[in-house]
């Protein structure tokens, strides 16, 4: 806290508080100055003579308006600033009620209030200065050419005093009425405009030209939409033909690599179900081995034999008969991959391909186990085949994920990209 500016302030306030405690009335000039409206900006503060011969300021709060525009037009944004100076010393503190001054709660009718700010308070010479800025605009056309006042506002405040024994005494609530601020509303157009005319009517030729251009643009838009639809239809037909296209020959390929891997996983599941329910007979083991050979062919990138067969042809050993939905064709699927084929791929595999090496080695071991079980004697123990087929299903799923649709598409795109040759 700052010290009072005059040495007589403490004595005057002490005598005032002592009179209030004794039930006496306060001096009339001081109460009159408290209830009186604030002086306009720039005016000298009111003063009161004291027995000591000095003058002290006796207005606890003083506020004034300021606008950055003397005159505004309809819809023009301008800023109105409210500044207040309140007394703040060691013995007396003026506490104004600022909860009703924020731009989110204050009302500025007939002006439209859309934004505001509250800078930090300042302290100078025993006074605290607080300030609020309001961004306003007038949108009522009936106010053109008139002076519109900013709505009358009053600020409530209390005077807190400190008496003997460092005790606080809270004064009663008082009101301070702000001075009136008038704003001149000019017009809808700049003030310097002297010749205002209406827009001339458009000629018939101009209207006809605009209608012709609109019709031409509409026809062009319809034509482009029709051409786009035709191109889309042609592209869809081309995609359908490419999907249904087959080549004749002993190794006719009608199923994609990803479809074949899904077929291998499905057949392994079916063989495991048959083996658990009816026992691991020779046909069940042959079915599981044929499905694992298809999965192994996908792992080492070896083609799978596919050919269209008649409806009365039965599936041979190591084959699957697939019927394509929507085409009515039966396809015989088989693969002739052995553990020796996997060993050749392993011998050419680079050292950095560790994950693929592990996959191929496990496929080789599982393929050898199923082949041994297929060619074993009928009375041999086949109790461990369930675990072997379970391992085969896990490996087939890994191969299926390698040939999923996104990876296949990326592989085809990379194979079609031209190779960059470095100059010698």
Protein backbone atom coordinates (compact mmCIF):
# COMPACT_ATOMS: atom_id res chain seq x y z
CA UNK A 1 0.00 0.00 0.00
CA UNK A 2 1.16 3.55 -0.76
CA UNK A 3 1.29 6.27 1.89
CA UNK A 4 -1.35 9.05 1.66
CA UNK A 5 -0.42 12.03 -0.43
CA UNK A 6 -1.29 14.59 2.28
CA UNK A 7 -0.49 14.33 5.89
CA UNK A 8 -3.97 15.58 6.86
CA UNK A 9 -5.81 12.65 5.26
CA UNK A 10 -5.19 10.33 8.22
CA UNK A 11 -6.35 12.92 10.76
CA UNK A 12 -9.47 13.82 8.81
CA UNK A 13 -10.49 10.19 8.30
CA UNK A 14 -9.83 9.39 11.97
CA UNK A 15 -12.08 12.26 13.09
CA UNK A 16 -14.75 11.12 10.61
CA UNK A 17 -14.70 7.55 11.87
CA UNK A 18 -14.75 8.69 15.47
CA UNK A 19 -17.85 10.79 14.76
CA UNK A 20 -19.56 7.85 13.05
CA UNK A 21 -18.85 5.59 16.03
CA UNK A 22 -20.35 8.14 18.42
CA UNK A 23 -23.52 8.28 16.32
CA UNK A 24 -22.88 11.75 15.08
CA UNK A 25 -23.64 12.85 11.54
CA UNK A 26 -20.86 13.16 9.04
CA UNK A 27 -20.01 16.59 7.75
CA UNK A 28 -22.51 17.68 5.14
CA UNK A 29 -19.98 18.73 2.48
CA UNK A 30 -18.35 15.27 2.49
CA UNK A 31 -21.68 13.41 2.11
CA UNK A 32 -22.74 15.77 -0.62
CA UNK A 33 -19.58 15.08 -2.55
CA UNK A 34 -20.10 11.31 -2.11
CA UNK A 35 -23.59 11.32 -3.59
CA UNK A 36 -22.87 13.87 -6.29
CA UNK A 37 -22.29 12.70 -9.90
CA UNK A 38 -18.75 12.43 -11.18
CA UNK A 39 -17.02 15.39 -12.68
CA UNK A 40 -16.45 15.34 -16.45
CA UNK A 41 -13.04 14.32 -17.77
CA UNK A 42 -10.44 16.95 -17.43
CA UNK A 43 -12.19 18.80 -14.59
CA UNK A 44 -10.31 19.45 -11.38
CA UNK A 45 -11.30 17.20 -8.47
CA UNK A 46 -13.46 18.69 -5.75
CA UNK A 47 -11.66 19.63 -2.57
CA UNK A 48 -12.65 20.35 1.02
CA UNK A 49 -10.92 22.60 3.51
CA UNK A 50 -9.60 21.02 6.68
CA UNK A 51 -8.82 22.60 10.04
CA UNK A 52 -5.16 22.09 9.34
CA UNK A 53 -5.37 24.41 6.36
CA UNK A 54 -4.89 21.72 3.63
CA UNK A 55 -7.22 20.36 0.95
CA UNK A 56 -7.94 16.64 0.40
CA UNK A 57 -9.82 14.86 -2.35
CA UNK A 58 -13.15 13.60 -1.05
CA UNK A 59 -14.64 11.79 -4.11
CA UNK A 60 -14.10 8.04 -3.53
CA UNK A 61 -14.82 7.11 -7.16
CA UNK A 62 -14.74 9.02 -10.42
CA UNK A 63 -15.63 7.57 -13.87
CA UNK A 64 -15.87 8.87 -17.44
CA UNK A 65 -16.68 7.64 -20.96
CA UNK A 66 -14.62 7.99 -24.11
CA UNK A 67 -15.44 7.01 -27.71
CA UNK A 68 -12.98 6.59 -30.58
CA UNK A 69 -15.57 7.94 -33.06
CA UNK A 70 -17.43 11.21 -32.90
CA UNK A 71 -19.93 10.01 -35.49
CA UNK A 72 -20.64 6.53 -36.82
CA UNK A 73 -22.51 5.06 -39.77
CA UNK A 74 -24.98 2.18 -39.72
CA UNK A 75 -23.07 -1.08 -39.19
CA UNK A 76 -19.74 0.67 -38.47
CA UNK A 77 -17.77 -0.71 -35.54
CA UNK A 78 -16.54 1.69 -32.87
CA UNK A 79 -15.11 1.35 -29.35
CA UNK A 80 -16.42 2.94 -26.17
CA UNK A 81 -14.05 2.98 -23.16
CA UNK A 82 -15.15 3.25 -19.53
CA UNK A 83 -12.42 4.41 -17.10
CA UNK A 84 -12.81 4.68 -13.33
CA UNK A 85 -10.46 5.99 -10.63
CA UNK A 86 -11.16 4.72 -7.10
CA UNK A 87 -9.54 5.75 -3.84
CA UNK A 88 -7.14 3.19 -2.42
CA UNK A 89 -4.91 3.97 0.59
CA UNK A 90 -3.81 2.40 3.83
CA UNK A 91 -6.86 3.67 5.73
CA UNK A 92 -9.60 3.71 3.06
CA UNK A 93 -10.31 1.37 0.17
CA UNK A 94 -13.14 1.82 -2.32
CA UNK A 95 -14.39 -1.53 -3.66
CA UNK A 96 -16.56 -1.14 -6.80
CA UNK A 97 -18.82 -3.96 -7.98
CA UNK A 98 -17.17 -5.01 -11.27
CA UNK A 99 -19.34 -8.09 -11.82
CA UNK A 100 -21.81 -6.04 -13.88
CA UNK A 101 -19.21 -4.30 -16.06
CA UNK A 102 -17.97 -7.25 -18.17
CA UNK A 103 -18.88 -7.21 -21.88
CA UNK A 104 -20.66 -10.56 -21.49
CA UNK A 105 -23.18 -9.21 -18.95
CA UNK A 106 -23.54 -5.48 -19.63
CA UNK A 107 -26.41 -4.25 -21.82
CA UNK A 108 -25.84 -1.53 -24.43
CA UNK A 109 -29.27 -1.26 -26.06
CA UNK A 110 -29.95 0.21 -28.68
CA UNK A 111 -26.33 -0.51 -29.66
CA UNK A 112 -25.20 -4.04 -30.48
CA UNK A 113 -22.36 -5.19 -28.22
CA UNK A 114 -20.32 -8.02 -29.78
CA UNK A 115 -16.92 -7.87 -28.05
CA UNK A 116 -15.00 -6.26 -25.22
CA UNK A 117 -11.79 -6.22 -23.20
CA UNK A 118 -10.64 -5.51 -19.64
CA UNK A 119 -6.99 -4.41 -19.37
CA UNK A 120 -5.03 -4.78 -16.15
CA UNK A 121 -5.60 -2.19 -13.43
CA UNK A 122 -3.12 0.62 -12.79
CA UNK A 123 -2.14 2.32 -9.50
CA UNK A 124 -1.00 5.92 -9.21
CA UNK A 125 -1.05 8.51 -6.40
CA UNK A 126 -3.37 6.71 -4.00
CA UNK A 127 -5.81 5.80 -6.79
CA UNK A 128 -6.54 2.56 -8.62
CA UNK A 129 -7.56 2.95 -12.25
CA UNK A 130 -9.74 0.29 -13.89
CA UNK A 131 -10.87 0.27 -17.50
CA UNK A 132 -13.38 -1.61 -19.69
CA UNK A 133 -13.58 -1.45 -23.49
CA UNK A 134 -16.76 -2.26 -25.42
CA UNK A 135 -16.98 -2.81 -29.21
CA UNK A 136 -20.35 -1.51 -30.42
CA UNK A 137 -22.25 -0.88 -33.64
CA UNK A 138 -25.63 0.53 -34.57
CA UNK A 139 -27.81 -1.50 -36.95
CA UNK A 140 -31.14 0.33 -36.54
CA UNK A 141 -31.74 2.49 -39.67
CA UNK A 142 -34.28 4.65 -37.77
CA UNK A 143 -31.39 6.19 -35.83
CA UNK A 144 -29.88 7.89 -38.91
CA UNK A 145 -29.25 11.58 -38.32
CA UNK A 146 -29.87 11.46 -34.55
CA UNK A 147 -27.74 11.51 -31.41
CA UNK A 148 -28.08 8.20 -29.57
CA UNK A 149 -26.97 8.04 -25.92
CA UNK A 150 -25.04 5.16 -24.47
CA UNK A 151 -27.40 3.50 -21.93
CA UNK A 152 -27.38 5.05 -18.48
CA UNK A 153 -25.27 2.97 -16.11
CA UNK A 154 -24.56 3.11 -12.40
CA UNK A 155 -21.76 1.48 -10.44
CA UNK A 156 -22.32 0.29 -6.89
CA UNK A 157 -19.40 0.45 -4.46
CA UNK A 158 -18.49 0.24 -0.81
CA UNK A 159 -15.98 2.24 1.24
CA UNK A 160 -13.96 0.01 3.55
CA UNK A 161 -12.11 1.75 6.38
CA UNK A 162 -9.43 0.64 8.77
CA UNK A 163 -9.84 1.74 12.41
CA UNK A 164 -7.78 1.38 15.56
CA UNK A 165 -6.48 -2.08 16.24
CA UNK A 166 -6.05 -2.79 12.50
CA UNK A 167 -9.72 -3.74 12.19
CA UNK A 168 -11.72 -3.40 9.00
CA UNK A 169 -15.09 -1.62 8.87
CA UNK A 170 -17.23 -2.14 5.78
CA UNK A 171 -19.35 0.83 4.70
CA UNK A 172 -22.82 0.74 3.25
CA UNK A 173 -23.44 0.17 -0.46
CA UNK A 174 -23.58 3.37 -2.53
CA UNK A 175 -24.26 4.04 -6.21
CA UNK A 176 -22.35 6.12 -8.72
CA UNK A 177 -24.23 7.28 -11.85
CA UNK A 178 -22.07 7.51 -14.98
CA UNK A 179 -22.24 10.61 -17.17
CA UNK A 180 -24.14 10.42 -20.45
CA UNK A 181 -22.22 9.77 -23.67
CA UNK A 182 -23.92 10.76 -26.96
CA UNK A 183 -23.04 9.12 -30.27
CA UNK A 184 -23.99 10.73 -33.60
CA UNK A 185 -25.38 8.28 -36.20
CA UNK A 186 -24.60 9.62 -39.67
CA UNK A 187 -25.89 7.61 -42.64
CA UNK A 188 -25.55 4.42 -44.67
CA UNK A 189 -23.03 5.92 -47.14
CA UNK A 190 -19.90 8.05 -46.67
CA UNK A 191 -20.54 11.60 -45.62
CA UNK A 192 -18.69 13.03 -48.62
CA UNK A 193 -21.08 11.40 -51.11
CA UNK A 194 -23.19 14.10 -52.85
CA UNK A 195 -24.81 12.26 -55.78
CA UNK A 196 -26.74 9.09 -54.91
CA UNK A 197 -28.59 7.36 -57.73
CA UNK A 198 -30.35 4.01 -58.13
CA UNK A 199 -28.89 1.28 -60.32
CA UNK A 200 -30.18 1.64 -63.91
CA UNK A 201 -32.47 -1.05 -65.24
CA UNK A 202 -30.83 -3.75 -67.35
CA UNK A 203 -31.54 -3.68 -71.07
CA UNK A 204 -33.46 -6.49 -72.77
CA UNK A 205 -30.40 -7.46 -74.79
CA UNK A 206 -28.34 -7.86 -71.62
CA UNK A 207 -31.01 -10.08 -70.06
CA UNK A 208 -31.19 -12.22 -73.22
CA UNK A 209 -27.38 -12.61 -73.29
CA UNK A 210 -27.32 -13.76 -69.66
CA UNK A 211 -30.09 -16.29 -70.31
CA UNK A 212 -28.27 -17.67 -73.38
CA UNK A 213 -25.02 -18.07 -71.44
CA UNK A 214 -26.83 -19.81 -68.59
CA UNK A 215 -28.47 -22.23 -71.03
CA UNK A 216 -25.13 -22.98 -72.72
CA UNK A 217 -23.44 -23.68 -69.40
CA UNK A 218 -26.31 -25.94 -68.32
CA UNK A 219 -26.09 -27.91 -71.58
CA UNK A 220 -22.32 -28.26 -71.15
CA UNK A 221 -22.76 -29.49 -67.58
CA UNK A 222 -25.33 -32.12 -68.62
CA UNK A 223 -23.01 -33.28 -71.44
CA UNK A 224 -20.06 -33.64 -69.09
CA UNK A 225 -22.15 -35.60 -66.58
CA UNK A 226 -23.32 -37.94 -69.35
CA UNK A 227 -19.76 -38.46 -70.61
CA UNK A 228 -18.59 -39.18 -67.07
CA UNK A 229 -21.33 -41.77 -66.65
CA UNK A 230 -20.39 -43.45 -69.95
CA UNK A 231 -16.70 -43.56 -68.99
CA UNK A 232 -17.58 -45.02 -65.59
CA UNK A 233 -19.73 -47.71 -67.25
CA UNK A 234 -16.94 -48.59 -69.69
CA UNK A 235 -14.43 -48.87 -66.84
CA UNK A 236 -16.77 -51.14 -64.85
CA UNK A 237 -17.34 -53.38 -67.89
CA UNK A 238 -13.58 -53.59 -68.47
CA UNK A 239 -12.97 -54.56 -64.84
CA UNK A 240 -15.71 -57.21 -65.00
CA UNK A 241 -14.31 -58.68 -68.19
CA UNK A 242 -10.80 -58.76 -66.79
CA UNK A 243 -12.04 -60.56 -63.69
CA UNK A 244 -13.97 -63.12 -65.72
CA UNK A 245 -11.30 -63.60 -68.39
CA UNK A 246 -9.72 -67.07 -68.46
CA UNK A 247 -7.03 -68.61 -70.65
CA UNK A 248 -7.38 -72.08 -72.09
CA UNK A 249 -4.69 -74.69 -71.50
CA UNK A 250 -3.62 -77.33 -69.04
CA UNK A 251 -2.75 -74.72 -66.38
CA UNK A 252 -5.78 -72.46 -66.66
CA UNK A 253 -5.70 -69.95 -63.77
CA UNK A 254 -9.10 -68.77 -62.66
CA UNK A 255 -8.51 -68.08 -58.95
CA UNK A 256 -6.29 -65.36 -57.50
CA UNK A 257 -3.42 -66.10 -55.17
CA UNK A 258 -5.29 -64.73 -52.14
CA UNK A 259 -8.34 -66.90 -52.97
CA UNK A 260 -6.11 -69.97 -53.14
CA UNK A 261 -4.59 -69.22 -49.73
CA UNK A 262 -8.07 -68.85 -48.22
CA UNK A 263 -8.99 -72.18 -49.82
CA UNK A 264 -5.96 -73.87 -48.20
CA UNK A 265 -6.86 -72.57 -44.72
CA UNK A 266 -10.49 -73.65 -45.16
CA UNK A 267 -9.55 -77.17 -46.29
CA UNK A 268 -7.12 -77.60 -43.40
CA UNK A 269 -9.89 -76.69 -40.95
CA UNK A 270 -12.23 -79.17 -42.63
CA UNK A 271 -9.60 -81.94 -42.52
CA UNK A 272 -8.96 -81.30 -38.81
CA UNK A 273 -12.69 -81.47 -38.08
CA UNK A 274 -13.00 -84.79 -39.97
CA UNK A 275 -9.92 -86.23 -38.23
CA UNK A 276 -11.21 -85.36 -34.75
CA UNK A 277 -14.67 -86.76 -35.44
CA UNK A 278 -14.06 -89.85 -37.64
CA UNK A 279 -10.35 -90.49 -37.06
CA UNK A 280 -7.25 -89.74 -39.10
CA UNK A 281 -7.86 -92.00 -42.06
CA UNK A 282 -5.85 -91.98 -45.29
CA UNK A 283 -8.30 -89.69 -47.23
CA UNK A 284 -8.36 -87.15 -44.36
CA UNK A 285 -4.55 -87.04 -44.18
CA UNK A 286 -4.36 -86.72 -47.98
CA UNK A 287 -6.79 -83.79 -47.86
CA UNK A 288 -4.75 -81.98 -45.20
CA UNK A 289 -1.50 -82.64 -47.10
CA UNK A 290 -2.96 -81.30 -50.38
CA UNK A 291 -4.12 -78.11 -48.64
CA UNK A 292 -0.70 -77.63 -47.04
CA UNK A 293 0.98 -78.08 -50.46
CA UNK A 294 -1.18 -75.21 -51.81
CA UNK A 295 -0.12 -72.99 -48.90
CA UNK A 296 3.54 -73.95 -49.43
CA UNK A 297 3.22 -73.05 -53.14
CA UNK A 298 2.08 -69.59 -52.11
CA UNK A 299 4.99 -69.26 -49.69
CA UNK A 300 7.65 -70.04 -52.32
CA UNK A 301 5.81 -68.19 -55.15
CA UNK A 302 5.22 -71.36 -57.14
CA UNK A 303 2.18 -71.54 -59.47
CA UNK A 304 -0.81 -73.62 -58.39
CA UNK A 305 -2.35 -75.82 -61.04
CA UNK A 306 -5.95 -74.83 -61.90
CA UNK A 307 -8.11 -76.17 -64.69
CA UNK A 308 -11.80 -76.15 -65.48
CA UNK A 309 -13.39 -79.61 -65.35
CA UNK A 310 -16.80 -80.98 -66.24
CA UNK A 311 -19.54 -81.39 -63.67
CA UNK A 312 -19.25 -85.18 -63.57
CA UNK A 313 -15.47 -85.27 -62.93
CA UNK A 314 -14.60 -86.32 -59.34
CA UNK A 315 -11.68 -84.93 -57.35
CA UNK A 316 -8.54 -87.02 -57.52
CA UNK A 317 -5.95 -87.53 -54.83
CA UNK A 318 -4.28 -84.25 -53.88
CA UNK A 319 -6.95 -82.18 -55.67
CA UNK A 320 -9.81 -79.88 -54.68
CA UNK A 321 -12.88 -79.19 -56.77
CA UNK A 322 -14.04 -75.58 -56.47
CA UNK A 323 -17.28 -74.14 -57.83
CA UNK A 324 -17.17 -70.40 -58.56
CA UNK A 325 -20.27 -68.54 -57.50
CA UNK A 326 -22.03 -66.74 -60.35
CA UNK A 327 -20.10 -68.57 -63.10
CA UNK A 328 -21.18 -72.20 -62.67
CA UNK A 329 -17.69 -73.51 -63.44
CA UNK A 330 -15.89 -76.28 -61.52
CA UNK A 331 -12.16 -75.84 -61.05
CA UNK A 332 -9.67 -78.52 -60.04
CA UNK A 333 -6.93 -77.07 -57.80
CA UNK A 334 -3.69 -78.88 -56.91
CA UNK A 335 -0.05 -78.18 -56.08
CA UNK A 336 3.00 -80.42 -56.32
CA UNK A 337 5.27 -78.73 -53.78
CA UNK A 338 7.59 -80.98 -51.76
CA UNK A 339 10.10 -80.41 -49.01
CA UNK A 340 12.88 -80.49 -51.66
CA UNK A 341 11.32 -77.46 -53.41
CA UNK A 342 11.30 -75.57 -50.11
CA UNK A 343 14.93 -76.57 -49.47
CA UNK A 344 15.98 -75.11 -52.85
CA UNK A 345 14.31 -71.81 -52.00
CA UNK A 346 15.99 -71.81 -48.58
CA UNK A 347 19.40 -72.28 -50.16
CA UNK A 348 18.90 -69.17 -52.33
CA UNK A 349 17.33 -67.07 -49.59
CA UNK A 350 19.43 -64.04 -48.48
CA UNK A 351 20.59 -63.83 -44.89
CA UNK A 352 18.55 -60.72 -44.10
CA UNK A 353 15.22 -62.51 -44.77
CA UNK A 354 15.15 -64.12 -41.33
CA UNK A 355 11.35 -64.12 -40.85
CA UNK A 356 10.70 -65.81 -44.19
CA UNK A 357 13.42 -68.37 -43.49
CA UNK A 358 11.72 -69.34 -40.22
CA UNK A 359 8.35 -69.67 -42.00
CA UNK A 360 9.77 -71.89 -44.76
CA UNK A 361 11.64 -74.12 -42.32
CA UNK A 362 8.47 -74.71 -40.28
CA UNK A 363 6.52 -75.41 -43.50
CA UNK A 364 9.18 -77.93 -44.53
CA UNK A 365 9.01 -79.75 -41.18
CA UNK A 366 5.21 -79.83 -41.15
CA UNK A 367 5.08 -81.03 -44.76
CA UNK A 368 7.52 -83.87 -43.94
CA UNK A 369 5.42 -84.89 -40.91
CA UNK A 370 2.18 -85.06 -42.95
CA UNK A 371 3.93 -86.90 -45.80
CA UNK A 372 5.30 -89.50 -43.35
CA UNK A 373 1.84 -89.96 -41.85
CA UNK A 374 0.26 -90.39 -45.30
CA UNK A 375 2.64 -93.16 -46.35
CA UNK A 376 2.80 -94.90 -42.98
CA UNK A 377 1.25 -98.32 -42.30
CA UNK A 378 -2.49 -98.35 -41.55
CA UNK A 379 -1.93 -99.48 -37.98
CA UNK A 380 0.66 -96.81 -37.09
CA UNK A 381 0.05 -94.37 -34.26
CA UNK A 382 -1.45 -91.13 -35.60
CA UNK A 383 -2.36 -89.45 -32.34
CA UNK A 384 0.03 -86.54 -32.88
CA UNK A 385 -1.58 -85.52 -36.22
CA UNK A 386 -3.97 -83.14 -34.52
CA UNK A 387 -1.05 -80.98 -33.30
CA UNK A 388 0.64 -81.21 -36.72
CA UNK A 389 -2.52 -80.02 -38.54
CA UNK A 390 -2.97 -77.23 -36.00
CA UNK A 391 0.57 -76.08 -36.80
CA UNK A 392 -0.22 -76.37 -40.53
CA UNK A 393 -3.29 -74.12 -40.08
CA UNK A 394 -1.17 -71.50 -38.31
CA UNK A 395 1.43 -71.52 -41.09
CA UNK A 396 -1.26 -71.35 -43.80
CA UNK A 397 -2.74 -68.27 -42.09
CA UNK A 398 0.66 -66.58 -42.16
CA UNK A 399 0.99 -67.30 -45.89
CA UNK A 400 -2.57 -66.00 -46.43
CA UNK A 401 -1.68 -62.71 -44.75
CA UNK A 402 1.36 -62.37 -47.04
CA UNK A 403 -0.95 -62.64 -50.07
CA UNK A 404 -3.74 -60.37 -48.82
CA UNK A 405 -5.33 -57.96 -51.26
CA UNK A 406 -3.39 -54.79 -50.27
CA UNK A 407 -0.04 -56.56 -50.44
CA UNK A 408 -0.89 -58.17 -53.77
CA UNK A 409 -1.85 -54.77 -55.22
CA UNK A 410 1.39 -53.19 -54.00
CA UNK A 411 3.38 -56.11 -55.39
CA UNK A 412 1.79 -55.74 -58.83
CA UNK A 413 2.40 -51.99 -58.87
CA UNK A 414 6.05 -52.41 -57.92
CA UNK A 415 6.56 -55.06 -60.60
CA UNK A 416 5.11 -52.74 -63.29
CA UNK A 417 7.24 -49.75 -62.28
CA UNK A 418 10.15 -49.11 -64.68
CA UNK A 419 13.58 -49.94 -63.36
CA UNK A 420 15.97 -47.02 -63.02
CA UNK A 421 19.27 -47.79 -64.72
CA UNK A 422 22.36 -46.07 -63.46
CA UNK A 423 24.83 -44.80 -66.08
CA UNK A 424 28.02 -46.81 -66.34
